[in-house]
Protein backbone atom coordinates (compact mmCIF):
# COMPACT_ATOMS: atom_id res chain seq x y z
CA MET A 1 85.99 -132.71 -41.81
CA GLU A 2 88.88 -133.56 -44.64
CA ASN A 3 92.20 -133.76 -43.60
CA SER A 4 93.63 -130.56 -45.67
CA ARG A 5 97.38 -132.29 -45.39
CA SER A 6 96.44 -135.35 -47.41
CA ARG A 7 96.00 -132.56 -50.09
CA GLN A 8 98.27 -130.82 -52.62
CA SER A 9 98.97 -127.30 -51.32
CA PRO A 10 96.64 -124.90 -53.56
CA ASP A 11 98.33 -121.69 -55.00
CA LEU A 12 96.50 -119.70 -52.01
CA PHE A 13 99.27 -121.74 -50.01
CA SER A 14 102.26 -120.52 -52.19
CA ARG A 15 101.45 -116.21 -51.55
CA ILE A 16 100.98 -116.64 -48.02
CA GLU A 17 104.19 -118.36 -47.41
CA ALA A 18 105.42 -116.01 -49.53
CA VAL A 19 104.35 -113.19 -47.55
CA LEU A 20 105.22 -114.54 -44.63
CA GLY A 21 108.96 -115.52 -45.40
CA ALA A 22 108.90 -111.40 -45.79
CA HIS A 23 108.19 -111.29 -41.96
CA CYS A 24 109.32 -113.94 -40.00
CA ALA A 25 112.51 -116.16 -39.38
CA PRO A 26 112.82 -119.88 -39.03
CA GLY A 27 111.82 -121.37 -35.95
CA ALA A 28 109.40 -118.11 -35.21
CA ARG A 29 106.10 -118.31 -32.36
CA LEU A 30 103.00 -117.19 -34.76
CA LEU A 31 99.90 -117.00 -33.40
CA VAL A 32 96.59 -116.83 -35.33
CA GLY A 33 93.15 -115.15 -34.64
CA TYR A 34 90.89 -118.17 -35.53
CA SER A 35 87.74 -116.99 -35.56
CA GLY A 36 86.81 -120.73 -37.58
CA GLY A 37 85.04 -118.75 -40.50
CA LEU A 38 86.21 -119.12 -43.95
CA ASP A 39 89.13 -116.60 -44.45
CA SER A 40 90.81 -117.72 -40.85
CA THR A 41 90.37 -121.02 -41.62
CA VAL A 42 92.11 -121.64 -44.67
CA LEU A 43 94.55 -119.62 -43.14
CA VAL A 44 95.16 -121.94 -40.41
CA HIS A 45 95.05 -124.91 -42.75
CA ALA A 46 97.70 -122.94 -44.91
CA LEU A 47 100.15 -122.40 -41.68
CA ALA A 48 99.84 -126.22 -40.80
CA ALA A 49 100.46 -127.19 -44.09
CA LEU A 50 104.16 -125.12 -43.81
CA ARG A 51 105.04 -124.94 -40.57
CA GLU A 52 107.46 -128.20 -41.07
CA ARG A 53 108.81 -126.52 -43.74
CA HIS A 54 110.24 -123.43 -42.25
CA GLY A 55 110.12 -124.90 -38.14
CA TRP A 56 107.45 -122.46 -37.20
CA ALA A 57 105.38 -122.87 -34.16
CA VAL A 58 102.15 -122.02 -34.67
CA GLU A 59 98.99 -122.09 -32.36
CA CYS A 60 95.50 -120.90 -32.25
CA VAL A 61 93.42 -118.32 -30.37
CA HIS A 62 89.34 -117.98 -30.57
CA VAL A 63 88.16 -115.30 -28.93
CA HIS A 64 84.43 -115.94 -28.01
CA HIS A 65 82.85 -112.76 -27.65
CA GLY A 66 79.20 -114.54 -25.86
CA LEU A 67 77.03 -112.46 -28.77
CA SER A 68 75.83 -115.16 -30.46
CA PRO A 69 73.74 -117.71 -29.03
CA HIS A 70 76.26 -120.12 -31.41
CA ALA A 71 79.44 -118.83 -30.32
CA ASP A 72 79.60 -121.95 -27.88
CA ARG A 73 79.72 -124.43 -30.98
CA TRP A 74 82.11 -122.02 -33.07
CA ALA A 75 84.60 -122.33 -30.54
CA GLN A 76 83.92 -125.97 -30.67
CA ALA A 77 84.79 -125.94 -34.42
CA CYS A 78 87.92 -124.20 -34.03
CA ALA A 79 88.67 -126.67 -31.06
CA ALA A 80 87.97 -129.20 -33.65
CA THR A 81 89.82 -128.05 -36.39
CA CYS A 82 92.88 -127.87 -34.26
CA ASP A 83 92.84 -130.94 -32.64
CA GLU A 84 92.97 -132.56 -36.70
CA LEU A 85 96.20 -130.55 -37.76
CA GLY A 86 97.71 -130.75 -34.31
CA LEU A 87 98.19 -127.20 -33.67
CA PRO A 88 97.69 -125.78 -29.92
CA PHE A 89 94.71 -124.11 -29.16
CA THR A 90 93.14 -121.96 -26.67
CA ALA A 91 89.45 -120.39 -26.55
CA CYS A 92 89.70 -116.93 -24.63
CA ARG A 93 85.50 -115.48 -23.24
CA VAL A 94 85.72 -111.09 -23.00
CA ASP A 95 83.27 -109.23 -22.39
CA VAL A 96 82.25 -106.92 -24.72
CA ALA A 97 81.01 -103.52 -23.92
CA GLN A 98 77.77 -103.84 -25.27
CA ASP A 99 77.06 -99.81 -24.86
CA SER A 100 80.11 -98.41 -25.88
CA PRO A 101 79.97 -94.81 -27.42
CA ASP A 102 81.87 -95.97 -30.66
CA GLY A 103 79.42 -98.53 -31.67
CA LEU A 104 79.03 -102.33 -31.10
CA GLU A 105 81.28 -104.00 -33.43
CA CYS A 106 84.14 -101.71 -32.74
CA ALA A 107 83.44 -102.81 -29.15
CA ALA A 108 83.48 -105.77 -30.25
CA ARG A 109 87.25 -105.63 -31.73
CA GLU A 110 88.65 -103.42 -29.68
CA ALA A 111 87.94 -106.57 -27.05
CA ARG A 112 89.23 -109.30 -29.74
CA TYR A 113 92.79 -107.54 -30.04
CA THR A 114 92.96 -106.98 -26.30
CA ALA A 115 92.74 -110.76 -25.70
CA LEU A 116 95.12 -111.57 -28.75
CA HIS A 117 97.74 -109.21 -28.12
CA ALA A 118 97.65 -110.08 -23.61
CA HIS A 119 97.65 -114.37 -25.08
CA ALA A 120 100.54 -113.36 -27.12
CA ARG A 121 102.75 -110.99 -24.87
CA THR A 122 101.54 -114.15 -22.60
CA HIS A 123 102.94 -117.07 -24.23
CA GLY A 124 106.32 -115.28 -26.08
CA ILE A 125 104.84 -115.43 -29.67
CA ASP A 126 107.05 -113.45 -32.19
CA LEU A 127 104.02 -112.43 -34.58
CA LEU A 128 100.34 -112.08 -34.42
CA LEU A 129 98.67 -113.37 -38.77
CA THR A 130 94.91 -112.41 -38.83
CA ALA A 131 93.03 -113.25 -42.03
CA HIS A 132 91.36 -110.30 -43.47
CA HIS A 133 91.30 -110.24 -47.53
CA ALA A 134 91.45 -107.42 -50.01
CA ASP A 135 87.48 -107.58 -49.77
CA ASP A 136 87.93 -106.34 -45.59
CA GLN A 137 90.53 -103.85 -47.08
CA ALA A 138 87.55 -102.47 -49.97
CA GLU A 139 84.83 -102.64 -47.02
CA THR A 140 87.06 -100.47 -44.86
CA LEU A 141 87.95 -98.30 -46.61
CA LEU A 142 84.63 -97.43 -48.60
CA HIS A 143 82.84 -97.32 -44.78
CA HIS A 144 86.03 -94.31 -44.15
CA MET A 145 85.60 -92.69 -46.89
CA VAL A 146 81.53 -92.31 -46.77
CA ARG A 147 81.96 -91.16 -42.95
CA GLY A 148 84.71 -88.67 -44.19
CA ALA A 149 87.65 -89.94 -42.44
CA GLY A 150 91.50 -88.37 -43.27
CA LEU A 151 93.72 -90.33 -45.37
CA LEU A 152 94.44 -92.68 -42.01
CA GLY A 153 91.12 -93.81 -42.41
CA MET A 154 91.07 -94.31 -46.27
CA ALA A 155 95.00 -96.17 -46.21
CA GLY A 156 92.60 -98.83 -44.18
CA MET A 157 94.32 -101.89 -42.19
CA PRO A 158 97.76 -102.29 -42.72
CA ALA A 159 99.39 -105.70 -43.64
CA TRP A 160 102.42 -105.68 -41.45
CA ARG A 161 102.57 -103.27 -38.20
CA ALA A 162 105.75 -103.75 -36.31
CA ALA A 163 105.69 -104.60 -32.51
CA ASP A 164 105.88 -101.63 -29.83
CA ALA A 165 105.32 -101.46 -25.86
CA HIS A 166 101.91 -102.77 -25.96
CA ARG A 167 101.63 -104.66 -29.10
CA VAL A 168 103.38 -107.90 -30.69
CA ALA A 169 103.81 -107.38 -34.54
CA LEU A 170 100.62 -107.95 -36.76
CA LEU A 171 100.98 -109.23 -40.12
CA ARG A 172 97.56 -110.10 -42.69
CA PRO A 173 98.47 -111.91 -44.64
CA LEU A 174 95.90 -112.72 -47.01
CA LEU A 175 95.01 -108.66 -47.41
CA GLY A 176 95.76 -108.66 -51.41
CA VAL A 177 93.75 -111.99 -51.93
CA SER A 178 89.57 -111.71 -52.98
CA ARG A 179 87.49 -113.54 -50.78
CA ALA A 180 86.40 -115.30 -53.89
CA THR A 181 89.88 -116.46 -54.27
CA ILE A 182 90.21 -118.42 -50.61
CA GLU A 183 86.82 -119.30 -51.50
CA ASP A 184 87.75 -121.42 -54.18
CA CYS A 185 91.45 -122.57 -52.22
CA ALA A 186 88.68 -123.77 -48.86
CA ARG A 187 86.14 -125.79 -51.57
CA GLU A 188 89.36 -126.86 -53.39
CA LEU A 189 90.62 -128.07 -49.89
CA GLY A 190 86.88 -129.71 -48.89
CA LEU A 191 87.15 -127.66 -46.07
CA CYS A 192 84.29 -126.72 -43.75
CA TRP A 193 83.67 -123.54 -41.80
CA VAL A 194 81.49 -121.65 -39.72
CA GLU A 195 78.80 -118.78 -40.56
CA ASP A 196 78.19 -115.74 -38.26
CA GLU A 197 74.19 -115.42 -38.75
CA SER A 198 75.20 -111.20 -37.69
CA ASN A 199 77.53 -110.77 -41.52
CA GLN A 200 73.42 -111.00 -42.66
CA ASP A 201 72.25 -108.31 -40.60
CA THR A 202 72.56 -105.05 -42.83
CA ARG A 203 71.57 -102.53 -40.54
CA PHE A 204 75.61 -102.89 -39.63
CA ALA A 205 77.06 -100.27 -42.11
CA ARG A 206 80.30 -103.55 -42.73
CA ASN A 207 77.37 -105.64 -43.53
CA TYR A 208 75.74 -103.14 -45.85
CA LEU A 209 78.81 -102.53 -47.80
CA ARG A 210 79.29 -106.21 -47.74
CA ARG A 211 76.31 -107.43 -49.27
CA GLN A 212 74.74 -104.38 -50.99
CA VAL A 213 77.88 -102.19 -52.44
CA MET A 214 80.29 -104.63 -53.18
CA PRO A 215 78.40 -107.55 -55.81
CA VAL A 216 77.52 -104.02 -57.50
CA LEU A 217 80.78 -102.91 -57.89
CA SER A 218 82.49 -106.24 -58.57
CA ALA A 219 79.50 -107.22 -61.29
CA ARG A 220 81.28 -104.43 -63.52
CA TRP A 221 84.46 -104.38 -62.20
CA PRO A 222 85.72 -107.75 -61.06
CA ARG A 223 88.45 -106.85 -59.61
CA ALA A 224 87.21 -104.35 -58.11
CA ALA A 225 88.13 -105.35 -54.53
CA GLU A 226 91.54 -106.15 -55.24
CA THR A 227 92.18 -102.56 -56.86
CA ILE A 228 90.54 -100.63 -53.89
CA ALA A 229 92.96 -102.55 -51.63
CA GLY A 230 96.01 -101.38 -53.95
CA LEU A 231 94.67 -97.75 -53.37
CA ALA A 232 94.61 -98.42 -49.67
CA ARG A 233 98.17 -99.36 -50.09
CA ARG A 234 99.43 -96.87 -51.57
CA LEU A 235 97.81 -94.34 -49.61
CA GLY A 236 98.67 -96.09 -46.34
CA GLU A 237 102.76 -95.04 -47.97
CA ALA A 238 101.44 -91.43 -48.30
CA GLN A 239 100.60 -91.50 -44.73
CA GLY A 240 103.84 -92.64 -43.57
CA LEU A 241 105.35 -89.87 -45.58
CA LEU A 242 102.85 -87.28 -43.80
CA ASP A 243 103.88 -89.38 -40.01
CA THR A 244 107.54 -88.95 -40.92
CA LEU A 245 106.60 -85.24 -41.00
CA ALA A 246 104.20 -85.88 -37.76
CA GLN A 247 107.10 -86.97 -35.77
CA ALA A 248 109.75 -84.12 -36.87
CA ASP A 249 107.11 -81.29 -36.11
CA ALA A 250 106.31 -82.66 -32.85
CA GLY A 251 110.12 -82.85 -31.86
CA THR A 252 110.38 -79.32 -32.49
CA LEU A 253 106.92 -78.59 -30.84
CA CYS A 254 108.18 -80.84 -27.13
CA GLN A 255 109.28 -79.74 -24.31
CA GLY A 256 110.29 -81.62 -21.55
CA THR A 257 108.64 -80.85 -17.53
CA THR A 258 109.09 -82.27 -14.05
CA TRP A 259 105.81 -84.06 -14.65
CA GLY A 260 106.01 -85.13 -18.74
CA ASP A 261 106.35 -83.76 -22.27
CA CYS A 262 104.51 -81.12 -23.67
CA TYR A 263 104.34 -79.30 -26.67
CA ARG A 264 104.01 -75.27 -27.39
CA ILE A 265 101.50 -73.26 -28.22
CA GLU A 266 103.02 -70.68 -30.05
CA PRO A 267 105.29 -72.58 -32.26
CA LEU A 268 102.54 -74.85 -33.31
CA ALA A 269 99.98 -71.96 -34.07
CA ALA A 270 103.04 -70.56 -36.73
CA LEU A 271 102.55 -74.04 -39.06
CA GLU A 272 100.64 -73.79 -41.85
CA PRO A 273 96.77 -75.40 -41.26
CA ALA A 274 98.16 -79.27 -43.16
CA ARG A 275 101.08 -78.97 -41.04
CA GLN A 276 98.93 -78.43 -37.62
CA ARG A 277 96.26 -81.29 -38.23
CA ASN A 278 98.92 -83.66 -39.39
CA VAL A 279 100.66 -83.10 -35.85
CA LEU A 280 97.44 -83.61 -33.91
CA ARG A 281 96.01 -86.64 -35.65
CA TRP A 282 99.92 -88.28 -34.79
CA LEU A 283 100.02 -86.82 -31.13
CA LEU A 284 96.14 -88.69 -31.11
CA ARG A 285 97.35 -91.45 -31.83
CA ARG A 286 100.30 -92.09 -30.25
CA HIS A 287 99.00 -91.25 -27.35
CA GLY A 288 96.33 -93.81 -27.88
CA ALA A 289 93.31 -92.22 -29.57
CA ARG A 290 90.52 -95.03 -30.36
CA THR A 291 89.91 -93.35 -33.21
CA LEU A 292 90.82 -89.94 -35.16
CA PRO A 293 88.29 -87.01 -35.25
CA ASN A 294 87.08 -85.58 -38.33
CA GLU A 295 88.06 -82.04 -39.68
CA ALA A 296 85.80 -79.84 -38.60
CA TRP A 297 85.81 -81.41 -34.42
CA LEU A 298 89.59 -80.90 -35.50
CA ASP A 299 89.40 -77.77 -36.73
CA GLU A 300 88.12 -76.36 -33.96
CA TRP A 301 90.27 -77.79 -31.29
CA LEU A 302 92.85 -75.80 -32.72
CA ARG A 303 91.26 -73.04 -32.94
CA GLN A 304 90.76 -73.23 -29.57
CA ILE A 305 94.07 -74.30 -28.61
CA CYS A 306 95.63 -71.13 -31.20
CA SER A 307 93.18 -68.94 -29.10
CA ALA A 308 93.65 -69.95 -25.33
CA GLN A 309 95.24 -67.68 -22.80
CA ALA A 310 98.79 -68.64 -21.50
CA ALA A 311 97.36 -69.90 -18.46
CA ALA A 312 94.07 -71.38 -19.85
CA GLU A 313 93.44 -74.97 -18.96
CA CYS A 314 90.93 -75.46 -22.44
CA PRO A 315 90.32 -79.10 -21.55
CA VAL A 316 89.14 -81.37 -24.73
CA ALA A 317 88.37 -85.01 -24.79
CA HIS A 318 88.51 -87.79 -27.69
CA ALA A 319 87.93 -91.23 -27.98
CA GLY A 320 90.32 -91.41 -25.03
CA VAL A 321 92.62 -89.18 -24.79
CA ALA A 322 92.12 -85.69 -22.68
CA GLY A 323 93.93 -82.45 -23.94
CA PHE A 324 94.69 -79.40 -21.68
CA CYS A 325 96.36 -75.51 -23.21
CA HIS A 326 98.15 -74.91 -19.83
CA ARG A 327 100.98 -71.98 -19.55
CA GLY A 328 101.68 -71.84 -23.33
CA ALA A 329 102.01 -75.41 -23.72
CA LEU A 330 99.30 -78.09 -24.86
CA TRP A 331 99.58 -81.85 -22.49
CA LEU A 332 98.20 -84.30 -23.52
CA MET A 333 97.34 -88.08 -22.11
CA PRO A 334 95.06 -90.62 -21.00
CA ASP A 335 91.38 -89.60 -20.70
CA MET A 336 90.19 -92.10 -17.42
CA PRO A 337 89.60 -91.14 -14.03
CA PRO A 338 91.95 -92.04 -11.14
CA PRO A 339 91.45 -95.41 -9.50
CA ALA A 340 89.88 -96.14 -5.92
CA GLU A 341 92.02 -96.69 -2.87
CA THR A 342 94.24 -99.50 -3.34
CA ALA A 343 96.50 -100.72 -0.65
CA TRP A 344 100.36 -100.70 -1.36
CA ASP A 345 102.73 -103.98 -0.21
CA GLY A 346 106.02 -102.85 -0.88
CA ALA A 347 105.64 -103.48 -4.50
CA ARG A 348 108.53 -101.40 -6.92
CA THR A 349 105.64 -100.97 -9.61
CA VAL A 350 102.11 -100.53 -9.33
CA VAL A 351 99.96 -98.95 -11.90
CA TRP A 352 97.45 -96.26 -10.80
CA GLY A 353 95.40 -94.56 -13.28
CA ALA A 354 96.78 -92.63 -15.96
CA GLY A 355 100.40 -93.50 -14.95
CA GLN A 356 102.37 -95.67 -12.57
CA MET A 357 103.56 -95.70 -9.11
CA VAL A 358 107.55 -96.45 -8.95
CA PHE A 359 109.41 -97.05 -5.30
CA GLU A 360 113.09 -96.46 -5.89
CA PRO A 361 115.11 -98.27 -3.74
CA ALA A 362 117.40 -96.23 -1.28
CA LEU A 363 119.55 -96.41 2.17
CA GLY A 364 118.43 -95.19 4.91
CA ARG A 365 115.82 -92.63 3.24
CA GLY A 366 112.31 -93.11 2.24
CA ILE A 367 110.03 -95.76 3.23
CA ALA A 368 112.37 -98.15 5.68
CA LEU A 369 111.04 -102.11 4.27
CA SER A 370 110.10 -103.24 7.88
CA ALA A 371 107.91 -100.17 7.93
CA VAL A 372 106.07 -101.42 4.90
CA GLY A 373 105.51 -104.66 6.75
CA SER A 374 103.80 -103.16 10.15
CA THR A 375 102.23 -100.19 8.84
CA ARG A 376 98.89 -100.26 6.13
CA PHE A 377 100.26 -98.17 3.28
CA SER A 378 98.03 -97.60 0.77
CA LEU A 379 97.04 -95.46 -2.74
CA ARG A 380 94.05 -92.39 -3.40
CA ALA A 381 93.33 -89.65 -5.16
CA ARG A 382 93.07 -86.58 -3.40
CA ALA A 383 89.96 -85.71 -0.85
CA PRO A 384 88.53 -82.95 0.56
CA GLY A 385 90.23 -81.69 3.87
CA ASP A 386 93.80 -83.27 3.29
CA ARG A 387 97.16 -81.89 4.13
CA LEU A 388 100.57 -83.33 3.92
CA PRO A 389 103.49 -82.54 5.48
CA ARG A 390 105.66 -80.94 2.30
CA GLY A 391 109.39 -81.56 4.72
CA PRO A 392 111.06 -81.47 7.33
CA ALA A 393 109.92 -79.14 9.61
CA ARG A 394 107.91 -77.75 8.12
CA PRO A 395 103.91 -77.51 8.88
CA ARG A 396 101.07 -79.48 6.90
CA ALA A 397 99.71 -77.82 3.55
CA SER A 398 96.44 -78.42 1.18
CA VAL A 399 96.93 -80.10 -1.84
CA LYS A 400 96.56 -77.42 -3.81
CA GLN A 401 99.13 -74.94 -1.89
CA ILE A 402 101.52 -78.36 -2.75
CA ALA A 403 100.87 -78.43 -5.90
CA GLN A 404 101.17 -74.44 -6.89
CA GLU A 405 104.49 -74.68 -5.21
CA SER A 406 105.74 -77.93 -6.95
CA GLY A 407 104.40 -76.38 -10.41
CA LEU A 408 101.35 -79.35 -10.27
CA PRO A 409 99.78 -78.63 -13.41
CA PRO A 410 96.19 -78.28 -12.63
CA TRP A 411 94.31 -81.10 -14.75
CA LEU A 412 97.16 -83.35 -12.81
CA ARG A 413 96.19 -82.49 -9.47
CA ASP A 414 92.63 -85.28 -9.10
CA ARG A 415 94.74 -87.81 -11.26
CA ALA A 416 97.40 -87.67 -8.37
CA PRO A 417 98.10 -90.33 -6.46
CA ILE A 418 98.03 -89.07 -2.14
CA LEU A 419 100.39 -91.50 -0.01
CA LEU A 420 98.18 -92.61 2.51
CA ALA A 421 99.90 -94.79 5.88
CA GLY A 422 97.18 -96.04 8.18
CA GLY A 423 94.88 -93.47 6.72
CA VAL A 424 96.47 -90.56 7.09
CA PRO A 425 98.48 -88.79 4.21
CA VAL A 426 102.02 -88.59 3.81
CA TRP A 427 103.25 -88.11 0.62
CA MET A 428 102.05 -86.60 -2.53
CA PRO A 429 104.13 -85.64 -5.78
CA GLY A 430 105.70 -82.32 -4.89
CA CYS A 431 106.15 -83.61 -1.59
CA GLU A 432 109.72 -85.17 0.70
CA LEU A 433 108.69 -88.07 2.78
CA SER A 434 108.87 -87.66 5.97
CA ALA A 435 112.12 -89.13 7.48
CA HIS A 436 109.66 -90.71 10.17
CA PHE A 437 109.06 -93.97 8.12
CA ALA A 438 112.82 -94.30 7.39
CA ALA A 439 115.80 -96.08 9.43
CA PRO A 440 119.67 -95.48 9.46
CA GLY A 441 121.16 -97.84 7.02
CA GLU A 442 118.46 -99.94 6.24
CA PRO A 443 117.15 -100.02 2.51
CA GLY A 444 114.30 -97.66 2.16
CA LEU A 445 111.65 -96.74 -1.02
CA ILE A 446 111.24 -93.71 -2.82
CA PRO A 447 107.76 -92.70 -4.19
CA VAL A 448 108.22 -92.00 -7.18
CA TRP A 449 104.80 -90.72 -9.57
CA ARG A 450 105.76 -91.07 -13.43
CA PRO A 451 102.17 -89.82 -14.65
CA ALA A 452 101.00 -91.05 -18.80
CA VAL A 453 101.75 -87.65 -19.52
CA GLN A 454 103.80 -86.96 -23.39
């Protein structure tokens, strides 16, 4: 492969430099999701040419999905290019759920982004870069449009997404550039890239749009991809305004409880239907829904929520989020079963199911540190026949009774952790730990459960 550093940087590199300059400081650490295809190959060469001028530390990660018989060869080609350009390279293998209800494409994308963000967090990366371009954005908008997606789907992929608690910041510097422009740049530089044979399979919706629909539109309107991508950007701005409104509405609905935040149904029902749908979409996204429901599904869920009796649970699950109505409020949490029994070795924080266990330090109370080393402790979900102490001088009681006394909502009872000592239940949320495990004057740990409910 010819070394692009020996050639003058094309105009496209200047466009990439301008976009990057608006979002990352000199000396920033950048990570490129490098597939080896045309688009990411051009982006990698651009960054290799620009890094010294801005002091950027650039590295590449290739996600090996294992879905193609050529996957090993693609990883080797990416490694060779990075070696030539002097860029650090990592190949990361992932397992893709081929029976995912969301489809193989979606499952591969989820696995890919999970791997990229995990690598970025582990290595202190400031910004993740992907090489999506205007044609990708146009295909995304058209795909969402024919599926009946709402405004969020029509807005397509954001060019910029700020960092949050789980992900590093993400930038797509080529999103306003057509694939034809990128290919012209690659040919000007004499670059080589790999071709994924699955991109020819028009059974996949995105490939059908790419191979059958976009060429027809571009033949009639040569700048169709950029125009549609521009529309997606404007729709994204409109969605941003709706998100601001949804956040404000959610703030008026939210009420705090011992077990987390929930949302009052009565004021939700008083909102006009468009605002009801808007705030529910926002809440689903905030709680990690993989996809958003169509309007018919959302309207039916709203009907159930607004007609639910005060004590009705009304469970609904969508794309990884579970919703429950209870005592006039809507609760949302990750839709996942509790894990199998897990040993506890004294760690201060333990991720457990849809939440985490925190063991807070206390003097002379809780579980003495010496007891942690001499007793086998573990966590599991409740089991038939479980009975636990409720506090000093009180008899043991069932999980249901303790939950009722402490106000633990019904659906959280199967998701709540039970702490075992030597295989015997000794604590659950709503209980006071027996003084048997404490030692006067000795440091101890008090168990606290923080469910992922908001």
